[in-house]
Amino acid sequence: MKKLNKKYLLVGISLLLCLTIGVTFALSRETSNTLLNKFLVGSLESEIIEEKPEVTDGKIDKNPKVVNTGSTNALLRVRITVSPEELWTPNGVNNILSLDINNDKWTYQDGYYYYQDILKPGESNSVDVFKEVTLNTQSGYESIKDLLEDKGKFNIAIYQETIATKATDGSGYEISAIVDGKFNSDKANQVWDIYEKLNK
């Protein structure tokens, strides 16, 4: 009888150990998955804000801004398209319209205007894409109203992207667009290149 009880006892202990190991393994996996999420140090979100544009004879007071609504610094680029295209293209020679894009703050390359600084979080750090659209004096039109009567309508569309200020290249080396506390254009271009390669 005692031998039989010892067998049941050993079987019971074995089952208990298996059950305990299984529960421990499940808890370890669950804890591991939770810990992975804790490595996120901030959110990266942005949006375009703009008040209603006002049209006068030769210009449109149109002031789109990009705001970093997340909680971490970002790199920014925008794509601007005007339709019909004959009215304005980036670096166009005979554009009918002009957009007062600040060339000290923005650099045009590969279809995008790249912001030459860090976009910090908060509405107080918003960035002007441009402030007004003007009619070129040699366009043949006397006013925006004349242009609208001739074309029927035109659209100005702005698409914006923000990415983190740091990226890891193919060899595992981390590149940061902030060097010694300041924006570095060459490093920022490298971060954008990594982003482009990842999204091909």
Protein backbone atom coordinates (compact mmCIF):
# COMPACT_ATOMS: atom_id res chain seq x y z
CA MET A 1 0.00 0.00 0.00
CA LYS A 2 2.84 2.39 0.84
CA LYS A 3 4.55 1.60 -2.47
CA LEU A 4 1.38 2.42 -4.34
CA ASN A 5 1.03 5.74 -2.50
CA LYS A 6 4.66 6.62 -3.35
CA LYS A 7 3.94 5.99 -7.05
CA TYR A 8 0.87 8.25 -6.93
CA LEU A 9 2.88 10.82 -5.05
CA LEU A 10 5.69 10.78 -7.67
CA VAL A 11 3.18 10.97 -10.52
CA GLY A 12 1.42 13.85 -8.76
CA ILE A 13 4.68 15.73 -8.19
CA SER A 14 5.69 15.18 -11.84
CA LEU A 15 2.36 16.54 -13.07
CA LEU A 16 2.63 19.50 -10.75
CA LEU A 17 6.17 20.26 -12.00
CA CYS A 18 5.04 20.04 -15.64
CA LEU A 19 2.11 22.32 -14.91
CA THR A 20 4.33 24.81 -13.05
CA ILE A 21 6.94 24.84 -15.88
CA GLY A 22 4.15 25.38 -18.44
CA VAL A 23 2.68 28.28 -16.49
CA THR A 24 6.15 29.84 -15.95
CA PHE A 25 6.89 29.54 -19.68
CA ALA A 26 3.57 31.17 -20.55
CA LEU A 27 4.23 34.01 -18.09
CA SER A 28 7.74 34.54 -19.49
CA ARG A 29 6.41 34.82 -23.02
CA GLU A 30 3.67 37.20 -21.96
CA THR A 31 6.11 39.38 -20.01
CA SER A 32 8.53 39.42 -22.94
CA ASN A 33 5.85 40.67 -25.34
CA THR A 34 4.85 43.41 -22.91
CA LEU A 35 8.45 44.55 -22.43
CA LEU A 36 8.95 44.98 -26.17
CA ASN A 37 6.36 47.75 -26.19
CA LYS A 38 8.13 49.63 -23.42
CA PHE A 39 11.07 50.47 -25.68
CA LEU A 40 8.95 53.08 -27.52
CA VAL A 41 10.21 56.42 -26.24
CA GLY A 42 7.71 58.71 -27.95
CA SER A 43 5.04 59.00 -30.60
CA LEU A 44 5.60 60.45 -34.07
CA GLU A 45 2.55 62.22 -35.48
CA SER A 46 2.04 65.39 -37.48
CA GLU A 47 -0.62 67.28 -39.37
CA ILE A 48 -1.19 70.29 -41.61
CA ILE A 49 -3.21 73.16 -40.18
CA GLU A 50 -4.47 76.20 -42.07
CA GLU A 51 -6.96 79.00 -41.67
CA LYS A 52 -9.30 79.79 -44.54
CA PRO A 53 -7.32 81.48 -47.35
CA GLU A 54 -8.22 85.05 -48.34
CA VAL A 55 -8.11 86.12 -51.98
CA THR A 56 -7.28 89.67 -53.05
CA ASP A 57 -6.53 91.04 -56.53
CA GLY A 58 -3.04 89.67 -57.06
CA LYS A 59 -2.52 87.22 -54.20
CA ILE A 60 -3.96 84.55 -51.95
CA ASP A 61 -3.13 84.71 -48.25
CA LYS A 62 -2.66 80.98 -47.87
CA ASN A 63 -0.53 79.88 -44.92
CA PRO A 64 -0.38 76.11 -44.42
CA LYS A 65 1.68 74.99 -41.41
CA VAL A 66 2.94 71.59 -40.30
CA VAL A 67 2.58 70.78 -36.62
CA ASN A 68 4.30 67.95 -34.77
CA THR A 69 1.42 66.56 -32.68
CA GLY A 70 3.53 63.70 -31.34
CA SER A 71 5.93 63.70 -28.42
CA THR A 72 9.33 63.35 -30.09
CA ASN A 73 11.47 65.38 -32.53
CA ALA A 74 11.01 64.69 -36.24
CA LEU A 75 12.40 65.29 -39.72
CA LEU A 76 9.91 66.80 -42.17
CA ARG A 77 9.38 66.93 -45.90
CA VAL A 78 6.44 68.13 -48.01
CA ARG A 79 5.31 67.58 -51.58
CA ILE A 80 3.41 70.48 -53.19
CA THR A 81 1.31 70.04 -56.31
CA VAL A 82 -0.74 72.62 -58.18
CA SER A 83 -3.29 71.64 -60.77
CA PRO A 84 -3.49 72.45 -63.54
CA GLU A 85 0.26 71.93 -63.61
CA GLU A 86 0.85 74.82 -66.02
CA LEU A 87 0.17 77.27 -63.16
CA TRP A 88 3.09 76.20 -60.97
CA THR A 89 5.75 73.51 -60.70
CA PRO A 90 8.79 73.40 -58.38
CA ASN A 91 11.65 75.31 -60.00
CA GLY A 92 9.37 76.22 -62.91
CA VAL A 93 10.66 79.04 -65.15
CA ASN A 94 7.36 80.41 -66.46
CA ASN A 95 5.08 79.76 -63.51
CA ILE A 96 1.88 81.78 -63.54
CA LEU A 97 1.72 81.57 -59.74
CA SER A 98 4.48 82.03 -57.15
CA LEU A 99 4.61 80.35 -53.73
CA ASP A 100 6.80 82.21 -51.24
CA ILE A 101 8.68 79.15 -49.98
CA ASN A 102 11.59 80.20 -47.75
CA ASN A 103 14.70 78.73 -49.41
CA ASP A 104 16.69 79.14 -46.19
CA LYS A 105 14.30 76.78 -44.41
CA TRP A 106 13.43 74.42 -47.27
CA THR A 107 15.55 72.57 -49.85
CA TYR A 108 13.97 71.05 -52.96
CA GLN A 109 15.12 67.58 -54.01
CA ASP A 110 13.51 64.58 -55.77
CA GLY A 111 9.98 65.99 -55.72
CA TYR A 112 10.01 67.06 -52.06
CA TYR A 113 10.82 70.16 -50.05
CA TYR A 114 12.95 69.10 -47.07
CA TYR A 115 12.75 71.18 -43.90
CA GLN A 116 16.27 72.22 -42.88
CA ASP A 117 15.79 71.87 -39.14
CA ILE A 118 14.17 69.64 -36.55
CA LEU A 119 10.38 69.78 -36.21
CA LYS A 120 9.85 69.87 -32.45
CA PRO A 121 6.59 68.79 -30.77
CA GLY A 122 3.90 71.35 -30.05
CA GLU A 123 1.82 73.88 -31.98
CA SER A 124 4.14 76.71 -30.93
CA ASN A 125 6.87 75.01 -33.01
CA SER A 126 4.74 74.77 -36.18
CA VAL A 127 6.50 75.35 -39.50
CA ASP A 128 5.21 77.53 -42.36
CA VAL A 129 5.24 75.75 -45.71
CA PHE A 130 4.59 79.12 -47.36
CA LYS A 131 2.57 82.24 -46.46
CA GLU A 132 1.07 83.44 -49.72
CA VAL A 133 0.47 82.64 -53.36
CA THR A 134 0.97 85.53 -55.78
CA LEU A 135 0.17 86.09 -59.42
CA ASN A 136 3.26 86.71 -61.55
CA THR A 137 3.08 90.12 -63.22
CA GLN A 138 4.13 88.70 -66.60
CA SER A 139 1.50 85.95 -66.55
CA GLY A 140 -0.97 87.81 -68.79
CA TYR A 141 -3.59 87.86 -66.03
CA GLU A 142 -4.45 91.04 -64.15
CA SER A 143 -5.88 89.37 -61.05
CA ILE A 144 -6.54 86.03 -59.36
CA LYS A 145 -10.20 86.55 -60.32
CA ASP A 146 -9.23 86.70 -64.01
CA LEU A 147 -7.21 83.50 -63.59
CA LEU A 148 -10.18 81.75 -61.96
CA GLU A 149 -12.54 82.92 -64.69
CA ASP A 150 -10.19 81.55 -67.33
CA LYS A 151 -9.29 78.22 -65.65
CA GLY A 152 -12.55 77.63 -63.80
CA LYS A 153 -10.64 76.59 -60.67
CA PHE A 154 -7.23 75.45 -59.51
CA ASN A 155 -6.03 73.32 -56.60
CA ILE A 156 -3.00 73.51 -54.35
CA ALA A 157 -2.34 70.23 -52.53
CA ILE A 158 0.27 69.69 -49.81
CA TYR A 159 1.36 66.24 -48.66
CA GLN A 160 3.65 65.98 -45.63
CA GLU A 161 5.75 63.24 -44.06
CA THR A 162 7.61 63.11 -40.76
CA ILE A 163 10.12 60.51 -39.62
CA ALA A 164 12.35 59.96 -36.59
CA THR A 165 15.60 61.93 -36.42
CA LYS A 166 17.61 58.69 -36.02
CA ALA A 167 17.91 55.55 -38.12
CA THR A 168 20.12 52.46 -38.23
CA ASP A 169 21.83 51.66 -41.53
CA GLY A 170 22.39 48.20 -43.02
CA SER A 171 25.59 47.64 -41.04
CA GLY A 172 23.87 48.40 -37.72
CA TYR A 173 25.37 51.88 -37.35
CA GLU A 174 23.00 54.52 -35.90
CA ILE A 175 22.83 57.82 -37.76
CA SER A 176 21.35 60.92 -36.12
CA ALA A 177 20.31 64.17 -37.81
CA ILE A 178 21.21 65.97 -34.59
CA VAL A 179 24.96 66.43 -34.13
CA ASP A 180 26.27 68.29 -31.07
CA GLY A 181 22.74 69.48 -30.33
CA LYS A 182 22.23 71.00 -33.81
CA PHE A 183 20.52 69.94 -37.05
CA ASN A 184 22.94 68.40 -39.56
CA SER A 185 21.73 68.44 -43.17
CA ASP A 186 24.08 65.69 -44.43
CA LYS A 187 23.09 63.33 -41.61
CA ALA A 188 19.41 64.16 -42.15
CA ASN A 189 19.78 63.19 -45.83
CA GLN A 190 21.29 59.86 -44.75
CA VAL A 191 18.34 59.22 -42.42
CA TRP A 192 15.92 59.98 -45.28
CA ASP A 193 17.89 57.62 -47.57
CA ILE A 194 17.51 54.79 -45.03
CA TYR A 195 13.78 55.54 -44.81
CA GLU A 196 13.48 55.43 -48.61
CA LYS A 197 15.29 52.08 -48.85
CA LEU A 198 13.06 50.56 -46.17
CA ASN A 199 9.92 51.71 -47.98
CA LYS A 200 10.76 50.53 -51.50
